[in-house]
PDB file of all heavy atoms in Angstrom:
ATOM      1  N   ALA A   1      -4.520 -11.101   9.409  1.00  0.00           N
ATOM      2  CA  ALA A   1      -5.931 -10.723   9.492  1.00  0.00           C
ATOM      3  C   ALA A   1      -6.200  -9.399   8.785  1.00  0.00           C
ATOM      4  O   ALA A   1      -7.325  -9.158   8.326  1.00  0.00           O
ATOM      5  CB  ALA A   1      -6.369 -10.634  10.950  1.00  0.00           C
ATOM      6  N   ARG A   2      -5.180  -8.548   8.669  1.00  0.00           N
ATOM      7  CA  ARG A   2      -5.377  -7.228   8.044  1.00  0.00           C
ATOM      8  C   ARG A   2      -5.729  -7.342   6.565  1.00  0.00           C
ATOM      9  O   ARG A   2      -6.154  -6.360   5.961  1.00  0.00           O
ATOM     10  CB  ARG A   2      -4.124  -6.372   8.223  1.00  0.00           C
ATOM     11  CG  ARG A   2      -3.919  -5.906   9.649  1.00  0.00           C
ATOM     12  CD  ARG A   2      -2.848  -4.833   9.741  1.00  0.00           C
ATOM     13  NE  ARG A   2      -2.573  -4.480  11.129  1.00  0.00           N
ATOM     14  CZ  ARG A   2      -3.309  -3.665  11.851  1.00  0.00           C
ATOM     15  NH1 ARG A   2      -4.379  -3.107  11.312  1.00  0.00           N
ATOM     16  NH2 ARG A   2      -2.985  -3.390  13.099  1.00  0.00           N
ATOM     17  N   ARG A   3      -5.548  -8.496   5.966  1.00  0.00           N
ATOM     18  CA  ARG A   3      -6.011  -8.694   4.593  1.00  0.00           C
ATOM     19  C   ARG A   3      -7.504  -8.386   4.477  1.00  0.00           C
ATOM     20  O   ARG A   3      -7.968  -7.920   3.430  1.00  0.00           O
ATOM     21  CB  ARG A   3      -5.749 -10.138   4.159  1.00  0.00           C
ATOM     22  CG  ARG A   3      -6.259 -10.485   2.760  1.00  0.00           C
ATOM     23  CD  ARG A   3      -6.099 -11.961   2.466  1.00  0.00           C
ATOM     24  NE  ARG A   3      -4.698 -12.342   2.408  1.00  0.00           N
ATOM     25  CZ  ARG A   3      -3.966 -12.243   1.301  1.00  0.00           C
ATOM     26  NH1 ARG A   3      -4.507 -11.796   0.189  1.00  0.00           N
ATOM     27  NH2 ARG A   3      -2.710 -12.617   1.305  1.00  0.00           N
ATOM     28  N   ASP A   4      -8.264  -8.639   5.550  1.00  0.00           N
ATOM     29  CA  ASP A   4      -9.721  -8.505   5.504  1.00  0.00           C
ATOM     30  C   ASP A   4     -10.220  -7.101   5.821  1.00  0.00           C
ATOM     31  O   ASP A   4     -11.402  -6.819   5.628  1.00  0.00           O
ATOM     32  CB  ASP A   4     -10.369  -9.490   6.489  1.00  0.00           C
ATOM     33  CG  ASP A   4     -10.156 -10.937   6.077  1.00  0.00           C
ATOM     34  OD1 ASP A   4     -10.186 -11.213   4.866  1.00  0.00           O
ATOM     35  OD2 ASP A   4      -9.947 -11.786   6.965  1.00  0.00           O
ATOM     36  N   PHE A   5      -9.351  -6.222   6.339  1.00  0.00           N
ATOM     37  CA  PHE A   5      -9.807  -4.861   6.632  1.00  0.00           C
ATOM     38  C   PHE A   5      -8.686  -3.872   6.364  1.00  0.00           C
ATOM     39  O   PHE A   5      -7.556  -4.069   6.771  1.00  0.00           O
ATOM     40  CB  PHE A   5     -10.332  -4.744   8.069  1.00  0.00           C
ATOM     41  CG  PHE A   5      -9.355  -5.130   9.149  1.00  0.00           C
ATOM     42  CD1 PHE A   5      -8.661  -4.161   9.865  1.00  0.00           C
ATOM     43  CD2 PHE A   5      -9.141  -6.464   9.457  1.00  0.00           C
ATOM     44  CE1 PHE A   5      -7.768  -4.509  10.862  1.00  0.00           C
ATOM     45  CE2 PHE A   5      -8.253  -6.830  10.460  1.00  0.00           C
ATOM     46  CZ  PHE A   5      -7.565  -5.851  11.166  1.00  0.00           C
ATOM     47  N   GLN A   6      -9.015  -2.829   5.630  1.00  0.00           N
ATOM     48  CA  GLN A   6      -8.051  -1.807   5.236  1.00  0.00           C
ATOM     49  C   GLN A   6      -8.640  -0.427   5.524  1.00  0.00           C
ATOM     50  O   GLN A   6      -9.823  -0.290   5.803  1.00  0.00           O
ATOM     51  CB  GLN A   6      -7.706  -1.940   3.755  1.00  0.00           C
ATOM     52  CG  GLN A   6      -6.942  -3.209   3.397  1.00  0.00           C
ATOM     53  CD  GLN A   6      -5.525  -3.207   3.918  1.00  0.00           C
ATOM     54  OE1 GLN A   6      -4.850  -2.179   3.925  1.00  0.00           O
ATOM     55  NE2 GLN A   6      -5.060  -4.369   4.368  1.00  0.00           N
ATOM     56  N   MET A   7      -7.781   0.592   5.440  1.00  0.00           N
ATOM     57  CA  MET A   7      -8.206   1.944   5.819  1.00  0.00           C
ATOM     58  C   MET A   7      -7.891   2.943   4.724  1.00  0.00           C
ATOM     59  O   MET A   7      -6.868   2.848   4.044  1.00  0.00           O
ATOM     60  CB  MET A   7      -7.520   2.367   7.123  1.00  0.00           C
ATOM     61  CG  MET A   7      -8.056   3.651   7.724  1.00  0.00           C
ATOM     62  SD  MET A   7      -7.554   3.817   9.464  1.00  0.00           S
ATOM     63  CE  MET A   7      -8.512   5.275   9.919  1.00  0.00           C
ATOM     64  N   VAL A   8      -8.781   3.922   4.558  1.00  0.00           N
ATOM     65  CA  VAL A   8      -8.561   5.074   3.685  1.00  0.00           C
ATOM     66  C   VAL A   8      -8.537   6.297   4.587  1.00  0.00           C
ATOM     67  O   VAL A   8      -9.493   6.556   5.324  1.00  0.00           O
ATOM     68  CB  VAL A   8      -9.671   5.214   2.629  1.00  0.00           C
ATOM     69  CG1 VAL A   8      -9.473   6.494   1.819  1.00  0.00           C
ATOM     70  CG2 VAL A   8      -9.684   4.007   1.703  1.00  0.00           C
ATOM     71  N   PHE A   9      -7.438   7.047   4.535  1.00  0.00           N
ATOM     72  CA  PHE A   9      -7.255   8.174   5.447  1.00  0.00           C
ATOM     73  C   PHE A   9      -7.813   9.467   4.859  1.00  0.00           C
ATOM     74  O   PHE A   9      -8.138   9.557   3.677  1.00  0.00           O
ATOM     75  CB  PHE A   9      -5.771   8.341   5.779  1.00  0.00           C
ATOM     76  CG  PHE A   9      -5.201   7.185   6.558  1.00  0.00           C
ATOM     77  CD1 PHE A   9      -4.599   6.123   5.893  1.00  0.00           C
ATOM     78  CD2 PHE A   9      -5.277   7.144   7.935  1.00  0.00           C
ATOM     79  CE1 PHE A   9      -4.064   5.046   6.590  1.00  0.00           C
ATOM     80  CE2 PHE A   9      -4.755   6.074   8.646  1.00  0.00           C
ATOM     81  CZ  PHE A   9      -4.154   5.024   7.983  1.00  0.00           C
ATOM     82  N   GLN A  10      -7.867  10.492   5.720  1.00  0.00           N
ATOM     83  CA  GLN A  10      -8.498  11.754   5.356  1.00  0.00           C
ATOM     84  C   GLN A  10      -7.720  12.518   4.291  1.00  0.00           C
ATOM     85  O   GLN A  10      -8.288  12.994   3.324  1.00  0.00           O
ATOM     86  CB  GLN A  10      -8.643  12.623   6.612  1.00  0.00           C
ATOM     87  CG  GLN A  10      -9.216  14.010   6.340  1.00  0.00           C
ATOM     88  CD  GLN A  10      -9.401  14.803   7.618  1.00  0.00           C
ATOM     89  OE1 GLN A  10      -9.136  14.321   8.711  1.00  0.00           O
ATOM     90  NE2 GLN A  10      -9.875  16.019   7.491  1.00  0.00           N
ATOM     91  N   ASP A  11      -6.424  12.648   4.484  1.00  0.00           N
ATOM     92  CA  ASP A  11      -5.607  13.483   3.599  1.00  0.00           C
ATOM     93  C   ASP A  11      -5.085  12.636   2.443  1.00  0.00           C
ATOM     94  O   ASP A  11      -4.217  11.787   2.637  1.00  0.00           O
ATOM     95  CB  ASP A  11      -4.433  14.066   4.400  1.00  0.00           C
ATOM     96  CG  ASP A  11      -3.574  15.016   3.568  1.00  0.00           C
ATOM     97  OD1 ASP A  11      -3.854  15.158   2.359  1.00  0.00           O
ATOM     98  OD2 ASP A  11      -2.635  15.597   4.127  1.00  0.00           O
ATOM     99  N   PRO A  12      -5.584  12.861   1.228  1.00  0.00           N
ATOM    100  CA  PRO A  12      -5.171  12.015   0.104  1.00  0.00           C
ATOM    101  C   PRO A  12      -3.735  12.251  -0.334  1.00  0.00           C
ATOM    102  O   PRO A  12      -3.200  11.473  -1.120  1.00  0.00           O
ATOM    103  CB  PRO A  12      -6.154  12.401  -1.011  1.00  0.00           C
ATOM    104  CG  PRO A  12      -6.567  13.787  -0.676  1.00  0.00           C
ATOM    105  CD  PRO A  12      -6.563  13.875   0.828  1.00  0.00           C
ATOM    106  N   TYR A  13      -3.093  13.303   0.148  1.00  0.00           N
ATOM    107  CA  TYR A  13      -1.683  13.530  -0.193  1.00  0.00           C
ATOM    108  C   TYR A  13      -0.776  13.102   0.952  1.00  0.00           C
ATOM    109  O   TYR A  13       0.224  12.402   0.753  1.00  0.00           O
ATOM    110  CB  TYR A  13      -1.427  14.997  -0.536  1.00  0.00           C
ATOM    111  CG  TYR A  13      -0.044  15.225  -1.118  1.00  0.00           C
ATOM    112  CD1 TYR A  13       0.249  14.811  -2.410  1.00  0.00           C
ATOM    113  CD2 TYR A  13       0.957  15.846  -0.372  1.00  0.00           C
ATOM    114  CE1 TYR A  13       1.513  15.004  -2.948  1.00  0.00           C
ATOM    115  CE2 TYR A  13       2.222  16.044  -0.901  1.00  0.00           C
ATOM    116  CZ  TYR A  13       2.498  15.624  -2.195  1.00  0.00           C
ATOM    117  OH  TYR A  13       3.753  15.818  -2.718  1.00  0.00           O
ATOM    118  N   GLY A  14      -1.121  13.495   2.179  1.00  0.00           N
ATOM    119  CA  GLY A  14      -0.286  13.154   3.326  1.00  0.00           C
ATOM    120  C   GLY A  14      -0.212  11.664   3.589  1.00  0.00           C
ATOM    121  O   GLY A  14       0.747  11.184   4.203  1.00  0.00           O
ATOM    122  N   SER A  15      -1.221  10.899   3.137  1.00  0.00           N
ATOM    123  CA  SER A  15      -1.213   9.451   3.382  1.00  0.00           C
ATOM    124  C   SER A  15      -0.423   8.677   2.331  1.00  0.00           C
ATOM    125  O   SER A  15      -0.275   7.463   2.440  1.00  0.00           O
ATOM    126  CB  SER A  15      -2.649   8.917   3.418  1.00  0.00           C
ATOM    127  OG  SER A  15      -3.291   9.079   2.164  1.00  0.00           O
ATOM    128  N   LEU A  16       0.092   9.386   1.301  1.00  0.00           N
ATOM    129  CA  LEU A  16       0.879   8.733   0.241  1.00  0.00           C
ATOM    130  C   LEU A  16       2.332   9.202   0.330  1.00  0.00           C
ATOM    131  O   LEU A  16       2.596  10.405   0.389  1.00  0.00           O
ATOM    132  CB  LEU A  16       0.305   9.072  -1.143  1.00  0.00           C
ATOM    133  CG  LEU A  16      -1.187   8.798  -1.352  1.00  0.00           C
ATOM    134  CD1 LEU A  16      -1.589   9.233  -2.765  1.00  0.00           C
ATOM    135  CD2 LEU A  16      -1.517   7.335  -1.126  1.00  0.00           C
ATOM    136  N   ASP A  17       3.264   8.275   0.331  1.00  0.00           N
ATOM    137  CA  ASP A  17       4.686   8.610   0.402  1.00  0.00           C
ATOM    138  C   ASP A  17       5.111   9.289  -0.896  1.00  0.00           C
ATOM    139  O   ASP A  17       5.072   8.669  -1.968  1.00  0.00           O
ATOM    140  CB  ASP A  17       5.498   7.325   0.617  1.00  0.00           C
ATOM    141  CG  ASP A  17       6.970   7.606   0.893  1.00  0.00           C
ATOM    142  OD1 ASP A  17       7.454   8.687   0.550  1.00  0.00           O
ATOM    143  OD2 ASP A  17       7.640   6.707   1.467  1.00  0.00           O
ATOM    144  N   PRO A  18       5.519  10.564  -0.838  1.00  0.00           N
ATOM    145  CA  PRO A  18       5.841  11.288  -2.080  1.00  0.00           C
ATOM    146  C   PRO A  18       7.074  10.753  -2.797  1.00  0.00           C
ATOM    147  O   PRO A  18       7.293  11.064  -3.967  1.00  0.00           O
ATOM    148  CB  PRO A  18       6.079  12.727  -1.589  1.00  0.00           C
ATOM    149  CG  PRO A  18       6.471  12.581  -0.158  1.00  0.00           C
ATOM    150  CD  PRO A  18       5.698  11.405   0.354  1.00  0.00           C
ATOM    151  N   ARG A  19       7.887   9.913  -2.107  1.00  0.00           N
ATOM    152  CA  ARG A  19       9.111   9.405  -2.717  1.00  0.00           C
ATOM    153  C   ARG A  19       8.892   8.070  -3.417  1.00  0.00           C
ATOM    154  O   ARG A  19       9.816   7.562  -4.073  1.00  0.00           O
ATOM    155  CB  ARG A  19      10.188   9.239  -1.634  1.00  0.00           C
ATOM    156  CG  ARG A  19      10.576  10.547  -0.945  1.00  0.00           C
ATOM    157  CD  ARG A  19      11.365  10.276   0.324  1.00  0.00           C
ATOM    158  NE  ARG A  19      10.560   9.511   1.290  1.00  0.00           N
ATOM    159  CZ  ARG A  19      11.014   9.135   2.479  1.00  0.00           C
ATOM    160  NH1 ARG A  19      12.258   9.423   2.839  1.00  0.00           N
ATOM    161  NH2 ARG A  19      10.231   8.450   3.300  1.00  0.00           N
ATOM    162  N   GLN A  20       7.704   7.514  -3.293  1.00  0.00           N
ATOM    163  CA  GLN A  20       7.419   6.201  -3.868  1.00  0.00           C
ATOM    164  C   GLN A  20       6.545   6.331  -5.104  1.00  0.00           C
ATOM    165  O   GLN A  20       5.714   7.246  -5.210  1.00  0.00           O
ATOM    166  CB  GLN A  20       6.706   5.312  -2.841  1.00  0.00           C
ATOM    167  CG  GLN A  20       7.473   5.093  -1.557  1.00  0.00           C
ATOM    168  CD  GLN A  20       8.660   4.163  -1.741  1.00  0.00           C
ATOM    169  OE1 GLN A  20       8.806   3.503  -2.773  1.00  0.00           O
ATOM    170  NE2 GLN A  20       9.517   4.094  -0.731  1.00  0.00           N
ATOM    171  N   THR A  21       6.715   5.420  -6.044  1.00  0.00           N
ATOM    172  CA  THR A  21       5.828   5.385  -7.208  1.00  0.00           C
ATOM    173  C   THR A  21       4.458   4.869  -6.789  1.00  0.00           C
ATOM    174  O   THR A  21       4.302   4.235  -5.728  1.00  0.00           O
ATOM    175  CB  THR A  21       6.383   4.468  -8.303  1.00  0.00           C
ATOM    176  OG1 THR A  21       6.412   3.118  -7.803  1.00  0.00           O
ATOM    177  CG2 THR A  21       7.762   4.901  -8.749  1.00  0.00           C
ATOM    178  N   ILE A  22       3.478   5.123  -7.633  1.00  0.00           N
ATOM    179  CA  ILE A  22       2.119   4.665  -7.343  1.00  0.00           C
ATOM    180  C   ILE A  22       2.085   3.138  -7.253  1.00  0.00           C
ATOM    181  O   ILE A  22       1.371   2.573  -6.415  1.00  0.00           O
ATOM    182  CB  ILE A  22       1.144   5.170  -8.423  1.00  0.00           C
ATOM    183  CG1 ILE A  22       1.148   6.710  -8.463  1.00  0.00           C
ATOM    184  CG2 ILE A  22      -0.253   4.644  -8.179  1.00  0.00           C
ATOM    185  CD1 ILE A  22       0.940   7.390  -7.112  1.00  0.00           C
ATOM    186  N   ALA A  23       2.853   2.465  -8.084  1.00  0.00           N
ATOM    187  CA  ALA A  23       2.886   1.001  -8.055  1.00  0.00           C
ATOM    188  C   ALA A  23       3.317   0.495  -6.679  1.00  0.00           C
ATOM    189  O   ALA A  23       2.710  -0.421  -6.114  1.00  0.00           O
ATOM    190  CB  ALA A  23       3.822   0.472  -9.137  1.00  0.00           C
ATOM    191  N   ARG A  24       4.347   1.092  -6.108  1.00  0.00           N
ATOM    192  CA  ARG A  24       4.852   0.649  -4.807  1.00  0.00           C
ATOM    193  C   ARG A  24       3.883   1.032  -3.686  1.00  0.00           C
ATOM    194  O   ARG A  24       3.693   0.274  -2.733  1.00  0.00           O
ATOM    195  CB  ARG A  24       6.237   1.229  -4.542  1.00  0.00           C
ATOM    196  CG  ARG A  24       7.300   0.705  -5.492  1.00  0.00           C
ATOM    197  CD  ARG A  24       8.688   1.053  -5.022  1.00  0.00           C
ATOM    198  NE  ARG A  24       9.014   0.350  -3.768  1.00  0.00           N
ATOM    199  CZ  ARG A  24      10.219   0.397  -3.204  1.00  0.00           C
ATOM    200  NH1 ARG A  24      11.210   1.074  -3.777  1.00  0.00           N
ATOM    201  NH2 ARG A  24      10.452  -0.254  -2.082  1.00  0.00           N
ATOM    202  N   ILE A  25       3.268   2.204  -3.795  1.00  0.00           N
ATOM    203  CA  ILE A  25       2.316   2.651  -2.776  1.00  0.00           C
ATOM    204  C   ILE A  25       1.112   1.721  -2.728  1.00  0.00           C
ATOM    205  O   ILE A  25       0.689   1.267  -1.654  1.00  0.00           O
ATOM    206  CB  ILE A  25       1.866   4.100  -3.062  1.00  0.00           C
ATOM    207  CG1 ILE A  25       3.013   5.085  -2.785  1.00  0.00           C
ATOM    208  CG2 ILE A  25       0.637   4.469  -2.236  1.00  0.00           C
ATOM    209  CD1 ILE A  25       2.733   6.494  -3.251  1.00  0.00           C
ATOM    210  N   VAL A  26       0.537   1.425  -3.891  1.00  0.00           N
ATOM    211  CA  VAL A  26      -0.664   0.600  -3.953  1.00  0.00           C
ATOM    212  C   VAL A  26      -0.350  -0.840  -3.542  1.00  0.00           C
ATOM    213  O   VAL A  26      -1.159  -1.505  -2.888  1.00  0.00           O
ATOM    214  CB  VAL A  26      -1.273   0.648  -5.372  1.00  0.00           C
ATOM    215  CG1 VAL A  26      -2.415  -0.354  -5.512  1.00  0.00           C
ATOM    216  CG2 VAL A  26      -1.766   2.065  -5.675  1.00  0.00           C
ATOM    217  N   ALA A  27       0.841  -1.318  -3.889  1.00  0.00           N
ATOM    218  CA  ALA A  27       1.202  -2.708  -3.596  1.00  0.00           C
ATOM    219  C   ALA A  27       1.611  -2.929  -2.144  1.00  0.00           C
ATOM    220  O   ALA A  27       1.687  -4.073  -1.691  1.00  0.00           O
ATOM    221  CB  ALA A  27       2.344  -3.143  -4.519  1.00  0.00           C
ATOM    222  N   GLU A  28       1.845  -1.858  -1.400  1.00  0.00           N
ATOM    223  CA  GLU A  28       2.413  -1.985  -0.052  1.00  0.00           C
ATOM    224  C   GLU A  28       1.645  -2.939   0.870  1.00  0.00           C
ATOM    225  O   GLU A  28       2.256  -3.807   1.518  1.00  0.00           O
ATOM    226  CB  GLU A  28       2.514  -0.598   0.590  1.00  0.00           C
ATOM    227  CG  GLU A  28       3.142  -0.614   1.972  1.00  0.00           C
ATOM    228  CD  GLU A  28       3.195   0.766   2.590  1.00  0.00           C
ATOM    229  OE1 GLU A  28       2.594   1.707   2.005  1.00  0.00           O
ATOM    230  OE2 GLU A  28       3.811   0.917   3.653  1.00  0.00           O
ATOM    231  N   PRO A  29       0.296  -2.851   0.980  1.00  0.00           N
ATOM    232  CA  PRO A  29      -0.398  -3.788   1.875  1.00  0.00           C
ATOM    233  C   PRO A  29      -0.229  -5.246   1.458  1.00  0.00           C
ATOM    234  O   PRO A  29      -0.191  -6.132   2.310  1.00  0.00           O
ATOM    235  CB  PRO A  29      -1.865  -3.355   1.767  1.00  0.00           C
ATOM    236  CG  PRO A  29      -1.824  -1.946   1.295  1.00  0.00           C
ATOM    237  CD  PRO A  29      -0.639  -1.876   0.390  1.00  0.00           C
ATOM    238  N   LEU A  30      -0.133  -5.477   0.155  1.00  0.00           N
ATOM    239  CA  LEU A  30       0.001  -6.851  -0.330  1.00  0.00           C
ATOM    240  C   LEU A  30       1.400  -7.386  -0.072  1.00  0.00           C
ATOM    241  O   LEU A  30       1.571  -8.547   0.330  1.00  0.00           O
ATOM    242  CB  LEU A  30      -0.320  -6.906  -1.826  1.00  0.00           C
ATOM    243  CG  LEU A  30      -0.790  -8.240  -2.400  1.00  0.00           C
ATOM    244  CD1 LEU A  30      -2.006  -8.757  -1.655  1.00  0.00           C
ATOM    245  CD2 LEU A  30      -1.100  -8.087  -3.881  1.00  0.00           C
ATOM    246  N   THR A  31       2.412  -6.562  -0.278  1.00  0.00           N
ATOM    247  CA  THR A  31       3.783  -7.011  -0.031  1.00  0.00           C
ATOM    248  C   THR A  31       4.019  -7.249   1.457  1.00  0.00           C
ATOM    249  O   THR A  31       4.847  -8.091   1.831  1.00  0.00           O
ATOM    250  CB  THR A  31       4.798  -5.980  -0.564  1.00  0.00           C
ATOM    251  OG1 THR A  31       4.510  -4.697   0.001  1.00  0.00           O
ATOM    252  CG2 THR A  31       4.719  -5.874  -2.077  1.00  0.00           C
ATOM    253  N   ALA A  32       3.303  -6.525   2.311  1.00  0.00           N
ATOM    254  CA  ALA A  32       3.450  -6.727   3.757  1.00  0.00           C
ATOM    255  C   ALA A  32       2.917  -8.084   4.200  1.00  0.00           C
ATOM    256  O   ALA A  32       3.297  -8.592   5.259  1.00  0.00           O
ATOM    257  CB  ALA A  32       2.730  -5.617   4.516  1.00  0.00           C
ATOM    258  N   LEU A  33       2.029  -8.675   3.391  1.00  0.00           N
ATOM    259  CA  LEU A  33       1.445  -9.969   3.750  1.00  0.00           C
ATOM    260  C   LEU A  33       2.311 -11.154   3.345  1.00  0.00           C
ATOM    261  O   LEU A  33       2.113 -12.266   3.824  1.00  0.00           O
ATOM    262  CB  LEU A  33       0.055 -10.101   3.096  1.00  0.00           C
ATOM    263  CG  LEU A  33      -1.034  -9.182   3.638  1.00  0.00           C
ATOM    264  CD1 LEU A  33      -2.272  -9.252   2.760  1.00  0.00           C
ATOM    265  CD2 LEU A  33      -1.376  -9.548   5.073  1.00  0.00           C
ATOM    266  N   GLY A  34       3.251 -10.932   2.456  1.00  0.00           N
ATOM    267  CA  GLY A  34       4.096 -12.043   2.027  1.00  0.00           C
ATOM    268  C   GLY A  34       4.733 -11.770   0.680  1.00  0.00           C
ATOM    269  O   GLY A  34       4.429 -10.774   0.017  1.00  0.00           O
ATOM    270  N   ARG A  35       5.608 -12.665   0.261  1.00  0.00           N
ATOM    271  CA  ARG A  35       6.335 -12.485  -0.996  1.00  0.00           C
ATOM    272  C   ARG A  35       5.443 -12.778  -2.195  1.00  0.00           C
ATOM    273  O   ARG A  35       4.623 -13.689  -2.169  1.00  0.00           O
ATOM    274  CB  ARG A  35       7.549 -13.398  -1.014  1.00  0.00           C
ATOM    275  CG  ARG A  35       8.552 -13.099   0.091  1.00  0.00           C
ATOM    276  CD  ARG A  35       9.757 -14.001   0.003  1.00  0.00           C
ATOM    277  NE  ARG A  35      10.504 -13.780  -1.242  1.00  0.00           N
ATOM    278  CZ  ARG A  35      11.600 -14.448  -1.557  1.00  0.00           C
ATOM    279  NH1 ARG A  35      12.073 -15.377  -0.744  1.00  0.00           N
ATOM    280  NH2 ARG A  35      12.221 -14.203  -2.701  1.00  0.00           N
ATOM    281  N   MET A  36       5.630 -11.984  -3.251  1.00  0.00           N
ATOM    282  CA  MET A  36       4.905 -12.181  -4.498  1.00  0.00           C
ATOM    283  C   MET A  36       5.810 -11.712  -5.627  1.00  0.00           C
ATOM    284  O   MET A  36       6.492 -10.693  -5.489  1.00  0.00           O
ATOM    285  CB  MET A  36       3.595 -11.380  -4.477  1.00  0.00           C
ATOM    286  CG  MET A  36       2.753 -11.552  -5.734  1.00  0.00           C
ATOM    287  SD  MET A  36       1.158 -10.674  -5.620  1.00  0.00           S
ATOM    288  CE  MET A  36       0.305 -11.652  -4.400  1.00  0.00           C
ATOM    289  N   ASP A  37       5.842 -12.452  -6.716  1.00  0.00           N
ATOM    290  CA  ASP A  37       6.750 -12.068  -7.797  1.00  0.00           C
ATOM    291  C   ASP A  37       6.306 -10.742  -8.412  1.00  0.00           C
ATOM    292  O   ASP A  37       5.132 -10.377  -8.391  1.00  0.00           O
ATOM    293  CB  ASP A  37       6.829 -13.164  -8.860  1.00  0.00           C
ATOM    294  CG  ASP A  37       5.514 -13.364  -9.596  1.00  0.00           C
ATOM    295  OD1 ASP A  37       5.265 -12.638 -10.565  1.00  0.00           O
ATOM    296  OD2 ASP A  37       4.730 -14.236  -9.150  1.00  0.00           O
ATOM    297  N   ARG A  38       7.289 -10.025  -8.966  1.00  0.00           N
ATOM    298  CA  ARG A  38       7.074  -8.657  -9.425  1.00  0.00           C
ATOM    299  C   ARG A  38       6.012  -8.570 -10.513  1.00  0.00           C
ATOM    300  O   ARG A  38       5.179  -7.653 -10.510  1.00  0.00           O
ATOM    301  CB  ARG A  38       8.394  -8.080  -9.928  1.00  0.00           C
ATOM    302  CG  ARG A  38       8.350  -6.592 -10.244  1.00  0.00           C
ATOM    303  CD  ARG A  38       9.759  -6.059 -10.520  1.00  0.00           C
ATOM    304  NE  ARG A  38       9.729  -4.620 -10.746  1.00  0.00           N
ATOM    305  CZ  ARG A  38       9.534  -4.043 -11.922  1.00  0.00           C
ATOM    306  NH1 ARG A  38       9.346  -4.805 -13.003  1.00  0.00           N
ATOM    307  NH2 ARG A  38       9.533  -2.731 -12.043  1.00  0.00           N
ATOM    308  N   ALA A  39       6.010  -9.515 -11.439  1.00  0.00           N
ATOM    309  CA  ALA A  39       5.048  -9.474 -12.548  1.00  0.00           C
ATOM    310  C   ALA A  39       3.618  -9.616 -12.028  1.00  0.00           C
ATOM    311  O   ALA A  39       2.708  -8.878 -12.446  1.00  0.00           O
ATOM    312  CB  ALA A  39       5.352 -10.574 -13.552  1.00  0.00           C
TER     313      ALA A  39
END
């Protein structure tokens, strides 16, 4: 169900994992929903 509602947090730096690339950070909600090929 979380596919239909997402959140944007207050701190634009603290809410992003500094050890992850932007690609992995942005893709995280989608990968949590199921498998998808890398391309």
